[in-house]
Amino acid sequence: MPYKGSRITEDMDSFDIQVDSESFEDAWYKGIPGHYRCHVSTSGLSAVEIVEWRDKIENELGKLRNRD
């Protein structure tokens, strides 16, 4: 989620970002692993896909951290 008042939120079309919520209060809820909510999408990634990729990256980083 882009920071409210940032250059990105001031010109989301230029950054190809769509936000599905007007409420920034709900947008910063971190959540519980596996239950994240995303309020951002792009023309190439839906909100669901962003969460899926976030989970994949977190899993891969966890594997790297836990290597012997």
Protein backbone atom coordinates (compact mmCIF):
# COMPACT_ATOMS: atom_id res chain seq x y z
CA MET A 1 0.00 0.00 0.00
CA PRO A 2 1.51 3.34 -0.94
CA TYR A 3 1.84 5.91 1.83
CA LYS A 4 -1.01 8.42 1.97
CA GLY A 5 0.17 11.75 0.59
CA SER A 6 3.14 10.21 -1.25
CA ARG A 7 3.92 10.93 -4.88
CA ILE A 8 2.49 7.52 -5.76
CA THR A 9 -0.90 8.20 -4.14
CA GLU A 10 -1.03 11.63 -5.73
CA ASP A 11 -0.63 10.15 -9.24
CA MET A 12 -1.57 6.45 -9.09
CA ASP A 13 -2.37 6.26 -12.81
CA SER A 14 1.26 7.04 -13.69
CA PHE A 15 2.38 4.20 -11.43
CA ASP A 16 -0.30 1.77 -12.69
CA ILE A 17 -1.71 1.30 -9.18
CA GLN A 18 -5.34 0.97 -8.25
CA VAL A 19 -6.51 1.05 -4.63
CA ASP A 20 -9.82 -0.63 -3.84
CA SER A 21 -10.34 1.10 -0.52
CA GLU A 22 -10.72 4.74 0.38
CA SER A 23 -9.86 3.91 3.98
CA PHE A 24 -6.15 3.98 4.67
CA GLU A 25 -6.82 2.86 8.27
CA ASP A 26 -7.74 -0.66 7.17
CA ALA A 27 -5.02 -0.75 4.54
CA TRP A 28 -2.14 -0.93 7.02
CA TYR A 29 -3.45 -3.97 8.91
CA LYS A 30 -0.57 -6.45 8.76
CA GLY A 31 -2.66 -9.53 9.43
CA ILE A 32 -1.87 -13.09 10.26
CA PRO A 33 0.31 -15.15 7.89
CA GLY A 34 -1.96 -16.75 5.33
CA HIS A 35 -4.74 -14.23 5.97
CA TYR A 36 -3.33 -11.01 4.54
CA ARG A 37 -5.57 -8.47 2.86
CA CYS A 38 -4.39 -6.43 -0.08
CA HIS A 39 -6.09 -3.26 -1.29
CA VAL A 40 -3.76 -2.60 -4.22
CA SER A 41 -3.70 -4.00 -7.74
CA THR A 42 -2.03 -3.16 -11.05
CA SER A 43 -2.86 -3.94 -14.65
CA GLY A 44 -0.53 -6.94 -14.35
CA LEU A 45 -1.31 -8.21 -10.84
CA SER A 46 -4.58 -8.54 -8.99
CA ALA A 47 -4.76 -8.01 -5.22
CA VAL A 48 -5.00 -11.79 -4.80
CA GLU A 49 -1.89 -12.35 -6.93
CA ILE A 50 0.05 -9.76 -4.94
CA VAL A 51 -0.73 -11.66 -1.73
CA GLU A 52 0.21 -14.97 -3.40
CA TRP A 53 3.58 -13.55 -4.50
CA ARG A 54 4.12 -11.99 -1.08
CA ASP A 55 3.60 -15.41 0.52
CA LYS A 56 5.94 -17.12 -1.99
CA ILE A 57 8.69 -14.58 -1.34
CA GLU A 58 8.27 -14.87 2.44
CA ASN A 59 8.48 -18.68 2.20
CA GLU A 60 11.64 -18.52 0.09
CA LEU A 61 13.26 -16.01 2.44
CA GLY A 62 12.35 -18.24 5.38
CA LYS A 63 14.09 -21.17 3.67
CA LEU A 64 17.21 -19.06 3.15
CA ARG A 65 17.22 -17.93 6.79
CA ASN A 66 16.88 -21.52 8.03
CA ARG A 67 19.59 -23.09 5.88
CA ASP A 68 22.34 -24.96 7.69
